[in-house]
Protein backbone atom coordinates (compact mmCIF):
# COMPACT_ATOMS: atom_id res chain seq x y z
CA MET A 1 -0.19 0.04 -0.12
CA SER A 2 2.81 2.34 0.53
CA ASP A 3 3.71 2.54 -3.21
CA LEU A 4 -0.04 3.67 -4.04
CA THR A 5 -0.32 7.08 -5.90
CA ILE A 6 -1.09 9.91 -3.96
CA LYS A 7 -4.01 12.00 -5.16
CA LEU A 8 -4.77 15.19 -3.33
CA LEU A 9 -8.27 16.37 -2.60
CA SER A 10 -9.81 19.42 -4.22
CA ALA A 11 -12.42 21.50 -2.35
CA GLY A 12 -15.86 22.25 -3.75
CA ALA A 13 -17.81 25.40 -3.17
CA CYS A 14 -21.02 26.99 -1.88
CA TYR A 15 -23.19 28.96 -4.38
CA GLU A 16 -26.23 30.96 -4.04
CA GLY A 17 -27.91 30.86 -7.65
CA ASN A 18 -25.00 31.57 -9.91
CA THR A 19 -22.96 33.42 -7.41
CA PHE A 20 -20.04 31.81 -5.83
CA LEU A 21 -19.94 32.28 -2.04
CA LYS A 22 -16.99 30.42 -0.63
CA CYS A 23 -14.54 27.35 -1.15
CA ALA A 24 -16.19 24.38 1.08
CA PHE A 25 -15.50 20.51 1.73
CA ASN A 26 -18.86 19.45 2.15
CA PRO A 27 -22.80 20.49 1.84
CA LEU A 28 -22.81 20.92 5.42
CA GLU A 29 -20.79 24.01 5.37
CA CYS A 30 -23.30 25.85 3.04
CA THR A 31 -25.30 27.38 5.83
CA SER A 32 -26.98 30.28 4.10
CA GLU A 33 -30.60 29.88 3.31
CA ASN A 34 -30.45 29.37 -0.42
CA GLY A 35 -26.90 28.00 -0.29
CA VAL A 36 -25.93 24.93 -2.54
CA TYR A 37 -23.09 22.96 -2.55
CA ARG A 38 -20.99 22.10 -5.77
CA SER A 39 -18.41 19.28 -5.89
CA SER A 40 -14.95 19.78 -7.25
CA ARG A 41 -16.09 17.63 -10.16
CA TRP A 42 -19.08 20.10 -10.93
CA LEU A 43 -16.37 23.01 -10.60
CA ASP A 44 -13.93 21.49 -13.26
CA SER A 45 -16.65 21.34 -15.99
CA SER A 46 -18.73 24.37 -15.12
CA ASP A 47 -16.64 27.08 -13.33
CA SER A 48 -12.96 26.56 -13.97
CA THR A 49 -11.94 29.86 -12.30
CA GLN A 50 -13.27 28.79 -9.04
CA ALA A 51 -12.12 25.23 -9.45
CA MET A 52 -8.68 26.50 -9.73
CA LYS A 53 -9.04 28.74 -6.63
CA CYS A 54 -10.74 25.90 -4.42
CA ALA A 55 -8.09 23.22 -5.53
CA SER A 56 -5.21 25.49 -4.45
CA GLN A 57 -3.76 24.43 -1.35
CA ALA A 58 -3.41 27.93 0.15
CA SER A 59 -7.04 28.53 -0.31
CA MET A 60 -7.89 25.05 1.28
CA TYR A 61 -5.66 25.80 4.30
CA GLY A 62 -8.08 29.01 5.33
CA ILE A 63 -11.23 27.15 4.91
CA GLN A 64 -13.43 27.37 7.87
CA ALA A 65 -14.83 23.89 7.92
CA MET A 66 -13.77 22.80 11.33
CA GLY A 67 -15.84 22.88 14.44
CA ARG A 68 -14.59 22.96 18.01
CA CYS A 69 -14.67 20.66 21.02
CA THR A 70 -15.92 23.16 23.82
CA SER A 71 -14.93 21.31 26.88
CA ASN A 72 -11.91 21.52 29.00
CA THR A 73 -11.68 17.86 28.72
CA ASP A 74 -10.85 18.21 25.13
CA LYS A 75 -8.76 21.10 25.65
CA TYR A 76 -11.01 23.07 23.28
CA ILE A 77 -9.63 21.72 20.38
CA CYS A 78 -10.45 22.38 16.75
CA THR A 79 -11.45 19.31 14.98
CA SER A 80 -13.52 18.10 11.83
CA ASP A 81 -16.27 16.19 13.59
CA PHE A 82 -18.25 15.59 16.92
CA SER A 83 -16.92 11.82 17.06
CA ALA A 84 -13.25 13.50 17.36
CA CYS A 85 -14.66 15.10 20.74
CA GLN A 86 -14.29 13.02 23.76
CA LEU A 87 -17.46 14.85 25.04
CA SER A 88 -19.28 14.88 21.78
CA VAL A 89 -22.28 17.07 23.37
CA ALA A 90 -19.89 19.80 23.60
CA TRP A 91 -19.14 19.80 20.00
CA ILE A 92 -20.06 23.37 17.73
CA PRO A 93 -19.79 22.93 14.12
CA PHE A 94 -18.24 25.36 11.88
CA ASP A 95 -16.18 27.48 14.58
CA GLU A 96 -15.03 30.66 12.59
CA SER A 97 -11.79 30.57 14.39
CA CYS A 98 -11.11 27.03 13.20
CA THR A 99 -9.48 26.64 9.80
CA LEU A 100 -8.50 23.44 8.21
CA VAL A 101 -4.76 24.25 9.38
CA ASP A 102 -4.95 26.67 12.53
CA ASP A 103 -6.62 27.26 15.68
CA LEU A 104 -7.05 31.23 15.50
CA GLN A 105 -7.88 31.45 19.06
CA ASN A 106 -4.41 29.93 20.23
CA ARG A 107 -6.17 28.96 23.36
CA VAL A 108 -4.37 25.56 24.21
CA TRP A 109 -3.40 24.45 20.65
CA ASP A 110 -2.08 26.42 17.49
CA TYR A 111 -3.58 24.18 14.93
CA SER A 112 -6.50 22.12 13.99
CA TYR A 113 -6.46 18.42 14.57
CA PHE A 114 -8.34 15.18 13.41
CA GLY A 115 -9.26 11.90 15.00
CA GLU A 116 -7.40 8.63 13.98
CA CYS A 117 -8.55 5.11 13.22
CA LEU A 118 -6.86 2.58 15.16
CA ASP A 119 -6.11 -1.18 14.05
CA ARG A 120 -7.32 -3.44 16.82
CA SER A 121 -5.55 -6.28 15.08
CA SER A 122 -1.70 -6.92 14.76
CA ASN A 123 -1.46 -5.34 11.36
CA ASP A 124 -1.14 -1.86 12.98
CA VAL A 125 -2.71 -0.02 9.78
CA ASP A 126 -3.48 3.20 11.63
CA PHE A 127 -4.56 6.44 9.74
CA CYS A 128 -6.03 9.79 10.49
CA ALA A 129 -9.49 10.42 9.32
CA TRP A 130 -12.38 13.12 8.99
CA LYS A 131 -14.59 11.27 11.16
CA SER A 132 -15.40 7.97 12.88
CA SER A 133 -17.51 6.44 10.20
CA ASP A 134 -14.54 6.58 7.95
CA CYS A 135 -12.91 3.69 9.89
CA PRO A 136 -13.36 0.22 8.61
CA ASP A 137 -16.48 -1.53 10.24
CA GLU A 138 -14.63 -4.11 12.16
CA GLU A 139 -11.20 -4.33 13.82
CA TYR A 140 -10.80 -0.56 14.24
CA ARG A 141 -11.83 2.07 16.75
CA PHE A 142 -11.92 5.81 16.55
CA GLN A 143 -9.30 7.87 18.58
CA TRP A 144 -10.33 11.46 19.48
CA ALA A 145 -8.52 14.35 18.14
CA ASN A 146 -7.07 15.03 21.54
CA PRO A 147 -5.68 11.51 22.69
CA PHE A 148 -6.20 12.48 26.57
CA PHE A 149 -4.08 9.98 27.72
CA ALA A 150 -0.85 10.88 29.77
CA GLY A 151 2.03 11.95 27.54
CA GLN A 152 0.06 11.76 24.18
CA LEU A 153 -0.45 14.95 22.15
CA PRO A 154 -2.75 15.50 19.06
CA ASP A 155 -0.63 14.76 16.14
CA CYS A 156 -3.22 14.11 13.33
CA ARG A 157 -3.23 17.52 11.04
CA CYS A 158 -4.59 17.47 7.43
CA ASP A 159 -1.43 16.31 5.72
CA LYS A 160 -1.86 12.93 7.59
CA VAL A 161 -5.69 12.66 6.99
CA LYS A 162 -6.86 9.92 4.44
CA THR A 163 -10.23 10.72 2.80
CA GLY A 164 -12.70 8.81 0.82
CA ALA A 165 -13.83 9.29 -2.54
CA CYS A 166 -16.88 9.51 -4.84
CA VAL A 167 -16.97 6.58 -7.46
CA SER A 168 -18.94 6.23 -10.59
CA ASP A 169 -21.21 2.97 -10.43
CA LEU A 170 -20.44 2.34 -14.06
CA ASN A 171 -16.85 3.17 -14.33
CA PRO A 172 -14.48 2.89 -11.38
CA ASP A 173 -11.86 4.70 -13.05
CA ALA A 174 -14.31 8.09 -12.80
CA PHE A 175 -13.96 9.26 -9.29
CA PHE A 176 -12.71 12.37 -7.34
CA CYS A 177 -11.63 12.50 -3.58
CA ALA A 178 -14.18 13.58 -1.21
CA ALA A 179 -13.93 14.81 2.58
CA THR A 180 -17.21 13.05 3.62
CA GLU A 181 -20.01 10.76 2.31
CA GLU A 182 -22.27 13.88 2.05
CA VAL A 183 -20.47 15.19 -0.96
CA CYS A 184 -21.62 12.13 -2.92
CA PHE A 185 -25.22 12.58 -2.26
CA ASP A 186 -26.12 14.87 -5.07
CA GLU A 187 -23.75 13.13 -7.65
CA VAL A 188 -26.06 10.99 -9.72
CA GLY A 189 -24.59 7.59 -10.34
CA MET A 190 -21.59 7.78 -7.76
CA SER A 191 -21.06 6.08 -4.56
CA TYR A 192 -18.93 6.90 -1.62
CA LEU A 193 -15.87 4.57 -0.88
CA LYS A 194 -14.08 5.04 2.48
CA PRO A 195 -10.46 5.56 2.74
CA LEU A 196 -9.11 2.14 2.79
CA GLU A 197 -11.81 0.96 0.41
CA VAL A 198 -10.32 3.63 -2.06
CA GLU A 199 -6.90 2.19 -1.53
CA SER A 200 -8.05 -1.58 -2.15
CA GLU A 201 -10.07 -0.90 -5.00
CA LEU A 202 -8.66 1.72 -6.84
CA ASP A 203 -4.81 1.62 -5.95
CA VAL A 204 -4.93 5.21 -4.82
CA THR A 205 -4.68 7.05 -1.47
CA CYS A 206 -6.60 10.31 -1.39
CA MET A 207 -5.17 12.65 1.16
CA LEU A 208 -6.86 16.09 2.47
CA CYS A 209 -3.87 18.21 1.95
CA ASP A 210 -0.50 18.51 1.08
CA LYS A 211 2.61 19.14 2.97
CA LEU A 212 2.00 21.94 5.46
CA PRO A 213 3.88 25.11 5.48
CA PRO A 214 7.18 25.19 8.03
CA PRO A 215 6.80 26.02 11.46
CA PRO A 216 6.45 29.71 12.14
CA GLU A 217 9.87 31.85 12.23
CA VAL A 218 10.98 33.02 15.58
CA LYS A 219 12.37 36.68 15.67
CA LEU A 220 13.33 39.16 18.30
CA VAL A 221 12.35 42.75 18.59
CA SER A 222 14.83 45.23 17.14
CA ALA A 223 14.69 48.87 18.58
CA GLY A 224 14.93 52.17 17.01
CA ALA A 225 16.93 55.16 17.98
CA CYS A 226 16.53 58.64 19.33
CA VAL A 227 18.46 61.18 17.59
CA THR A 228 19.12 65.12 17.48
CA ASP A 229 20.22 66.72 14.41
CA GLY A 230 21.26 63.40 13.01
CA ALA A 231 23.55 62.66 16.20
CA PHE A 232 22.72 59.25 18.00
CA LYS A 233 21.36 59.72 21.55
CA LYS A 234 20.02 56.22 22.56
CA CYS A 235 18.00 53.23 21.72
CA ALA A 236 14.12 53.30 21.86
CA LEU A 237 11.25 51.15 21.09
CA ILE A 238 8.81 53.86 20.71
CA PRO A 239 8.86 57.60 20.20
CA SER A 240 7.76 58.24 23.77
CA HIS A 241 10.97 56.79 24.85
CA CYS A 242 12.67 59.77 23.30
CA GLU A 243 13.32 63.14 25.34
CA VAL A 244 11.74 66.55 24.15
CA GLY A 245 13.73 67.73 21.31
CA GLU A 246 14.70 64.13 20.14
CA SER A 247 13.34 62.57 17.18
CA PHE A 248 12.45 58.60 16.70
CA LEU A 249 14.14 56.84 13.97
CA PRO A 250 12.24 53.53 13.15
CA THR A 251 13.84 50.15 13.01
CA SER A 252 13.14 49.77 9.38
CA ARG A 253 15.37 52.67 8.71
CA ILE A 254 18.27 51.38 10.68
CA LEU A 255 18.04 47.94 8.91
CA ASP A 256 17.61 49.42 5.48
CA PRO A 257 21.13 49.59 3.96
CA THR A 258 19.79 52.40 1.47
CA VAL A 259 19.08 54.83 4.12
CA ASP A 260 21.84 57.15 5.82
CA THR A 261 21.57 56.87 9.55
CA PRO A 262 24.19 57.30 12.38
CA GLN A 263 26.54 54.23 12.58
CA ALA A 264 26.16 54.16 16.38
CA ALA A 265 22.48 53.58 15.89
CA ASN A 266 23.10 50.27 14.68
CA VAL A 267 23.59 48.57 18.09
CA CYS A 268 19.58 49.29 18.56
CA ALA A 269 18.90 46.38 16.13
CA THR A 270 20.68 44.04 18.63
CA GLN A 271 19.50 42.68 21.74
CA ASP A 272 22.21 44.56 23.45
CA GLY A 273 20.42 47.91 22.25
CA VAL A 274 16.67 46.45 22.96
CA LYS A 275 17.63 45.43 26.63
CA SER A 276 19.34 49.01 27.22
CA VAL A 277 16.03 50.81 26.65
CA ASN A 278 14.69 52.53 29.64
CA VAL A 279 11.06 51.68 30.56
CA GLY A 280 8.85 52.85 33.49
CA ARG A 281 8.10 52.15 37.11
CA CYS A 282 5.12 51.47 39.33
CA ASP A 283 6.36 54.10 41.80
CA ALA A 284 4.03 52.94 44.76
CA GLN A 285 4.56 50.32 47.48
CA SER A 286 1.29 48.55 46.78
CA ASN A 287 2.78 47.83 43.20
CA PHE A 288 5.98 46.64 44.70
CA TYR A 289 7.95 49.51 42.89
CA MET A 290 8.26 47.13 39.87
CA CYS A 291 9.81 48.32 36.59
CA VAL A 292 7.19 47.90 33.80
CA PRO A 293 6.79 49.05 30.23
CA THR A 294 3.56 50.95 30.35
CA ALA A 295 0.96 52.43 32.98
CA GLY A 296 -1.27 49.77 32.29
CA ALA A 297 0.90 47.25 33.72
CA CYS A 298 0.50 49.05 37.14
CA GLU A 299 -2.40 48.10 39.40
CA LEU A 300 -2.51 51.90 40.27
CA GLN A 301 -1.77 53.67 36.94
CA GLN A 302 -1.41 57.04 38.43
CA TYR A 303 1.61 55.93 40.10
CA PHE A 304 3.32 55.19 36.73
CA LYS A 305 6.75 56.90 36.22
CA ALA A 306 7.87 56.79 32.73
CA ASN A 307 11.42 56.40 31.47
CA ASP A 308 13.01 55.62 34.76
CA PRO A 309 16.82 55.57 34.55
CA GLU A 310 16.95 52.47 36.95
CA CYS A 311 14.56 50.59 34.75
CA THR A 312 15.49 48.86 31.55
CA VAL A 313 13.49 46.21 29.26
CA SER A 314 14.95 43.45 31.22
CA LYS A 315 16.48 44.64 34.51
CA ASP A 316 15.50 46.75 37.47
CA MET A 317 18.96 48.10 38.70
CA SER A 318 17.55 49.98 41.93
CA SER A 319 18.94 48.66 45.07
CA ASN A 320 15.46 49.04 46.67
CA SER A 321 13.96 46.34 44.30
CA ILE A 322 11.07 44.16 46.10
CA VAL A 323 10.58 41.61 43.65
CA SER A 324 14.10 40.81 42.30
CA ALA A 325 15.86 42.63 39.74
CA SER A 326 13.70 42.08 36.83
CA THR A 327 11.17 44.23 34.77
CA TYR A 328 7.89 42.65 34.68
CA TYR A 329 5.05 42.72 32.22
CA GLY A 330 1.21 42.22 32.14
CA PHE A 331 -0.47 39.28 30.20
CA CYS A 332 -3.40 38.36 28.33
CA SER A 333 -5.81 35.58 29.21
CA ASN A 334 -8.51 33.58 27.73
CA ASP A 335 -9.77 32.68 31.13
CA GLU A 336 -11.93 35.65 32.68
CA ASP A 337 -12.15 33.79 35.89
CA ASN A 338 -8.42 33.28 36.85
CA TRP A 339 -8.23 36.24 39.50
CA GLY A 340 -4.96 37.56 37.69
CA ILE A 341 -3.07 34.26 38.18
CA PHE A 342 -0.80 33.41 35.07
CA ASP A 343 -1.81 30.09 33.47
CA ALA A 344 0.47 28.92 30.85
CA GLY A 345 -2.21 27.22 28.95
CA ASP A 346 -4.29 30.20 28.38
CA SER A 347 -2.05 33.33 29.25
CA TYR A 348 0.38 35.19 26.99
CA CYS A 349 2.82 37.86 28.35
CA VAL A 350 2.51 41.08 26.41
CA TRP A 351 3.80 44.75 26.24
CA ASN A 352 0.38 46.63 26.93
CA PHE A 353 -3.24 45.84 27.13
CA GLN A 354 -3.76 46.90 23.52
CA ASP A 355 -2.07 43.52 22.42
CA CYS A 356 -5.26 41.49 23.96
CA ALA A 357 -7.11 42.93 20.85
CA SER A 358 -7.26 41.12 17.55
CA SER A 359 -7.75 42.33 14.06
CA SER A 360 -9.54 39.34 13.18
CA SER A 361 -13.41 38.84 14.33
CA ASP A 362 -12.36 35.11 14.61
CA ASN A 363 -10.31 35.59 17.67
CA GLU A 364 -12.07 35.75 21.03
CA PRO A 365 -11.82 38.66 23.37
CA MET A 366 -8.79 38.32 25.83
CA GLU A 367 -8.76 39.77 29.40
CA TYR A 368 -5.64 41.83 30.24
CA TYR A 369 -3.78 41.35 33.71
CA ASP A 370 -1.41 43.81 35.14
CA ALA A 371 2.06 42.84 36.09
CA ASN A 372 1.12 42.59 39.72
CA PRO A 373 0.53 39.39 41.22
CA GLY A 374 -3.20 38.05 41.43
CA THR A 375 -3.05 37.17 45.11
CA SER A 376 -0.63 37.56 47.94
CA ALA A 377 0.56 34.04 47.43
CA MET A 378 1.51 34.53 43.88
CA LYS A 379 4.46 36.03 42.14
CA PRO A 380 4.94 38.00 38.95
CA GLU A 381 5.49 35.92 35.97
CA CYS A 382 6.17 37.93 32.77
CA ARG A 383 9.70 39.00 32.17
CA CYS A 384 10.91 40.03 28.71
CA ASP A 385 12.05 36.70 27.44
CA ASP A 386 8.37 35.46 27.87
CA VAL A 387 6.73 38.57 25.95
CA ARG A 388 5.05 38.25 22.44
CA THR A 389 4.94 41.08 20.27
CA GLY A 390 3.84 42.27 16.94
CA ALA A 391 5.59 43.21 13.90
CA CYS A 392 5.87 46.07 11.37
CA ILE A 393 5.21 44.42 7.92
CA HIS A 394 5.99 46.24 4.51
CA ASN A 395 2.59 46.25 2.53
CA GLU A 396 4.41 45.53 -0.83
CA ASP A 397 7.26 43.32 0.18
CA PRO A 398 6.30 41.14 3.22
CA SER A 399 9.62 39.69 3.59
CA ARG A 400 10.65 43.03 4.65
CA ARG A 401 9.40 42.78 8.39
CA HIS A 402 10.60 43.53 11.95
CA CYS A 403 9.25 42.68 15.26
CA ALA A 404 7.93 45.64 17.14
CA VAL A 405 6.07 46.40 20.62
CA GLN A 406 3.27 48.59 19.03
CA LYS A 407 2.32 50.55 15.94
CA GLU A 408 4.01 53.56 16.79
CA ALA A 409 7.32 51.88 16.37
CA CYS A 410 6.70 51.27 12.66
CA ASP A 411 7.70 53.90 9.83
CA ASN A 412 5.13 56.45 9.98
CA THR A 413 4.87 56.17 6.20
CA ASN A 414 1.81 54.43 4.47
CA ASP A 415 4.35 51.68 3.44
CA TRP A 416 4.21 49.72 6.67
CA THR A 417 1.52 47.83 8.73
CA PHE A 418 1.53 46.86 12.23
CA VAL A 419 0.29 43.32 12.73
CA SER A 420 -0.46 42.13 16.39
CA TRP A 421 1.01 38.95 17.82
CA ARG A 422 -2.46 37.26 17.84
CA ASN A 423 -2.53 37.52 13.90
CA LEU A 424 1.19 36.80 13.25
CA GLU A 425 1.34 33.12 13.90
CA VAL A 426 -1.21 31.98 11.23
CA GLN A 427 0.54 29.65 8.94
CA THR A 428 -1.35 30.76 6.10
CA GLY A 429 -0.30 34.32 6.78
CA PRO A 430 2.99 35.87 8.31
CA ASN A 431 3.76 32.76 9.91
CA LEU A 432 5.93 34.34 12.45
CA ILE A 433 6.43 34.54 16.38
CA CYS A 434 7.92 37.65 17.71
CA LYS A 435 9.45 37.88 21.10
CA LEU A 436 10.79 40.97 23.06
CA CYS A 437 14.21 39.64 24.07
CA SER A 438 16.19 36.53 24.35
CA GLU A 439 16.55 34.30 27.39
CA LEU A 440 17.51 35.94 30.65
CA PRO A 441 20.05 33.59 32.35
CA ASP A 442 21.97 36.62 33.90
CA ILE A 443 19.00 37.86 35.90
CA PRO A 444 17.65 35.87 38.99
CA PRO A 445 14.28 34.64 38.77
CA PRO A 446 11.49 36.09 40.97
CA SER A 447 11.23 34.64 44.53
CA ALA A 448 8.78 31.90 45.34
CA SER A 449 6.13 34.20 46.86
CA VAL A 450 5.30 38.00 46.81
CA GLN A 451 4.94 39.12 50.51
CA GLN A 452 2.84 42.23 51.56
CA PRO A 453 4.88 45.35 51.27
CA PRO A 454 5.83 47.27 54.23
CA ALA A 455 3.46 50.36 55.20
CA ALA A 456 4.35 53.50 53.23
CA SER A 457 6.61 56.20 54.97
CA PRO A 458 5.40 59.78 55.16
CA THR A 459 7.91 60.75 52.71
CA GLY A 460 7.04 58.04 50.04
CA ARG A 461 9.29 55.48 49.05
CA SER A 462 11.18 53.85 51.76
CA PRO A 463 15.08 53.79 51.40
CA THR A 464 15.26 50.59 53.49
CA ILE A 465 13.31 48.25 51.52
CA GLN A 466 15.17 44.99 51.13
CA PRO A 467 14.83 42.70 48.11
CA LEU A 468 12.15 39.90 48.68
CA THR A 469 13.80 36.57 49.39
CA GLU A 470 12.15 33.39 50.46
CA THR A 471 12.49 32.80 54.27
CA ARG A 472 12.26 29.61 56.29
CA THR A 473 11.48 29.75 59.88
CA THR A 474 13.04 27.02 61.85
CA PRO A 475 10.38 25.71 64.46
CA PRO A 476 11.74 25.64 68.19
CA LYS A 477 12.78 22.36 69.18
CA PRO A 478 10.35 20.94 71.96
CA VAL A 479 11.57 20.85 75.44
CA PHE A 480 11.18 17.36 77.13
CA SER A 481 10.91 17.06 80.79
CA PRO A 482 13.25 14.60 82.27
CA SER A 483 11.76 10.95 82.65
CA SER A 484 10.96 9.67 86.03
CA SER A 485 12.97 6.65 87.04
CA LYS A 486 11.90 3.99 89.64
CA SER A 487 14.05 3.77 92.82
CA ASN A 488 16.16 0.65 93.11
CA SER A 489 15.33 0.61 96.97
CA ASN A 490 13.18 -2.35 98.25
CA ILE A 491 10.46 -0.43 99.82
CA ASN A 492 7.39 -2.34 101.19
CA SER A 493 4.55 0.10 100.80
CA ASP A 494 2.15 -1.90 102.81
CA ASN A 495 4.47 -1.82 106.04
CA GLU A 496 5.06 1.89 105.55
CA ASN A 497 1.32 2.96 105.13
CA LYS A 498 0.64 0.79 108.29
CA SER A 499 3.20 2.70 110.50
CA LEU A 500 2.27 6.49 109.63
CA SER A 501 3.30 8.56 112.48
CA ALA A 502 1.13 11.07 114.17
CA GLY A 503 3.53 13.81 113.31
CA ILE A 504 3.03 13.36 109.56
CA ILE A 505 -0.77 13.39 110.17
CA GLY A 506 -0.58 16.68 112.05
CA ALA A 507 1.70 18.15 109.38
CA ILE A 508 -0.88 17.44 106.63
CA VAL A 509 -3.61 19.02 108.61
CA ALA A 510 -1.59 22.16 109.26
CA GLY A 511 -0.59 22.50 105.60
CA SER A 512 -4.25 22.16 104.74
CA ALA A 513 -5.32 25.05 106.76
CA VAL A 514 -2.46 27.22 105.29
CA ILE A 515 -3.71 26.46 101.74
CA VAL A 516 -7.33 27.62 102.77
CA LEU A 517 -5.97 30.92 103.90
CA ILE A 518 -3.89 31.57 100.73
CA VAL A 519 -7.06 30.98 98.62
CA VAL A 520 -9.31 33.38 100.66
CA ILE A 521 -6.43 36.31 100.31
CA VAL A 522 -6.12 35.93 96.58
CA ALA A 523 -9.57 35.89 95.96
CA HIS A 524 -10.07 39.40 97.95
CA PHE A 525 -7.28 40.91 95.87
CA LEU A 526 -8.69 39.73 92.54
CA THR A 527 -12.01 40.99 93.48
CA GLN A 528 -10.73 44.52 94.27
CA ASP A 529 -8.84 44.67 90.76
CA ALA A 530 -11.72 43.79 88.97
CA VAL A 531 -13.55 46.57 90.77
CA ASP A 532 -10.72 49.19 90.07
CA ASP A 533 -10.66 48.10 86.12
CA LYS A 534 -14.28 48.65 85.55
CA ALA A 535 -14.00 52.15 87.22
CA THR A 536 -11.09 52.83 84.93
CA GLN A 537 -12.86 51.70 81.96
CA GLN A 538 -15.89 54.11 82.73
CA GLU A 539 -13.64 56.83 83.13
CA GLN A 540 -12.41 56.27 79.64
CA LYS A 541 -15.58 56.09 78.20
CA ASP A 542 -16.77 59.42 79.83
CA GLU A 543 -13.57 60.90 78.47
CA GLU A 544 -14.37 63.23 75.36
CA ALA A 545 -12.46 62.19 72.29
CA THR A 546 -10.16 65.17 71.13
CA PRO A 547 -9.62 66.01 67.46
CA GLU A 548 -5.85 65.33 67.95
CA LYS A 549 -6.61 61.58 69.25
CA LEU A 550 -8.89 61.11 66.09
CA GLU A 551 -6.22 62.26 63.75
CA LYS A 552 -3.66 60.17 65.38
CA GLU A 553 -5.93 56.96 65.24
CA THR A 554 -6.58 57.63 61.48
CA GLU A 555 -2.72 57.93 60.65
CA ASN A 556 -2.34 54.68 62.54
CA PHE A 557 -5.01 52.92 60.62
CA ASP A 558 -3.55 54.18 57.09
CA ALA A 559 -0.21 52.67 57.99
CA LYS A 560 -1.55 49.59 59.08
CA ILE A 561 -3.53 48.81 55.75
CA GLY A 562 -0.56 50.17 53.61
CA MET A 563 -2.09 53.14 52.20
CA GLU A 564 0.03 55.38 49.87
CA PRO A 565 0.53 59.16 50.50
CA GLY A 566 -2.54 60.93 48.82
CA GLN A 567 -4.49 57.57 48.57
CA THR A 568 -7.87 56.85 49.64
CA GLU A 569 -9.59 53.68 50.85
CA GLU A 570 -11.22 53.38 47.41
CA ASP A 571 -7.52 52.96 45.76
CA LEU A 572 -7.36 49.76 47.71
CA VAL A 573 -10.50 48.38 46.26
CA PRO A 574 -9.01 45.78 43.54
CA GLN A 575 -10.23 47.11 40.02
CA LYS A 576 -10.78 44.63 37.31
CA ASP A 577 -9.33 45.46 33.69
CA HIS A 578 -11.71 45.55 31.10
CA SER A 579 -11.47 42.90 28.12
CA VAL A 580 -10.60 44.21 24.81
CA THR A 581 -11.71 42.74 21.31
């Protein structure tokens, strides 16, 4: 069977009357009221222009023919049929964010996957399939798109999927590959053969798609520069990183050999240049005085201080750092109920809150969370080597592109377009992953937990804040009383009890009398103390509170809850960020 001829499937199309609507793999995709499905066979004979388009691999990759298993058990996987979901009742057909190749939501998986027909016999003839009915009736079982078993990951993509075919009842040589049996229903005089039947009866293997595009290219951000009268001043990622009187030189001009730029600015296109760029600080103890890229990464945005000279893209160089010597970033999450806790399966570190948006309506909204830990037991997670960014792409020559943190980093001419990170990775599009910086082995990771910051000092930032470190308290050793030992003397207790002297009995009686006297005296003094305490408390209640005392009590309360200077109690109420679409 391995030497069989490979025939690639061509998609059909949906029409409304004579109007072409879209390429499609089966009639179920034609969901408009008057939509009609036309097979690839019909297109070849009646609409050659659209036949060529729908047979194109690039067009087929983007067809939104897939649905989604919407349960956490199936990891929200994009797949072709309800039978490929472990929980089939959670299946939603024709999810617009699921194409033949890509999962545009990037929620757990980046791609779409199919189920697999597994051979129960010893022949081990397994193959990926569109749905369970494509498996032979006996000796096979259908495996879900997400195998679910420990250590197993989905691996059936469209380039591994075998399909059936519509075959003429009179002439077996007249056939065309079909994604599902529904394609053959309106083909007069033709019947559907399953994938292995096609191989055994026609000596052909029908495949859903050809070799897939290569994995996305991974690139790192390049910085621009601040210049004055043509002289290089410093590297910058966006124009606001430049001082008054300085001009922003975009990365595209530094990288373009035909543009005359200062020689010293070339360092900005390197990681050394990117990591030297100054960013801001959340200048409040409730924000742990963290270095962050934008005000949105602060829990209290009004305390953001831009372009802090001790904050760079990767480092916090202040000796008063609380959460280690790193700069931290916010993140986008598909999970709106994660309370600000970073989840590697659903969360992506980003430059600012606008990165949670997407230019594609197929992508679901994402919630933005600032760099602050979600709870007191958590630590900030996102450093620059985790941050995903967008890219500036030349409109006429897409091969000219560079990673950038936001659209203001692109050349302000009409020749360049900024593409968000959420739209970069699509294999049929830019097929690119951009990251802010390379790995940071020279910077220690954040501590195991973020402790509550110290109370605010009257002058603002405390000069005595120590770096947050994990501390372990050694419990005191328990104190054991000496163990009692039995006497080695041979004492006859019965004889002693019988020979108790009268003197000993008299001493016992006298001792009892003394104890009674002591109890009476102690009771008298305790009663008198209680009376005195009650009188003192009454005097305190009767004393009128002075304004000076009230002011002092207010200051003490503010210090206890860690209020910032000029901050009100309302500032301490957690504010949830709004999602962006």
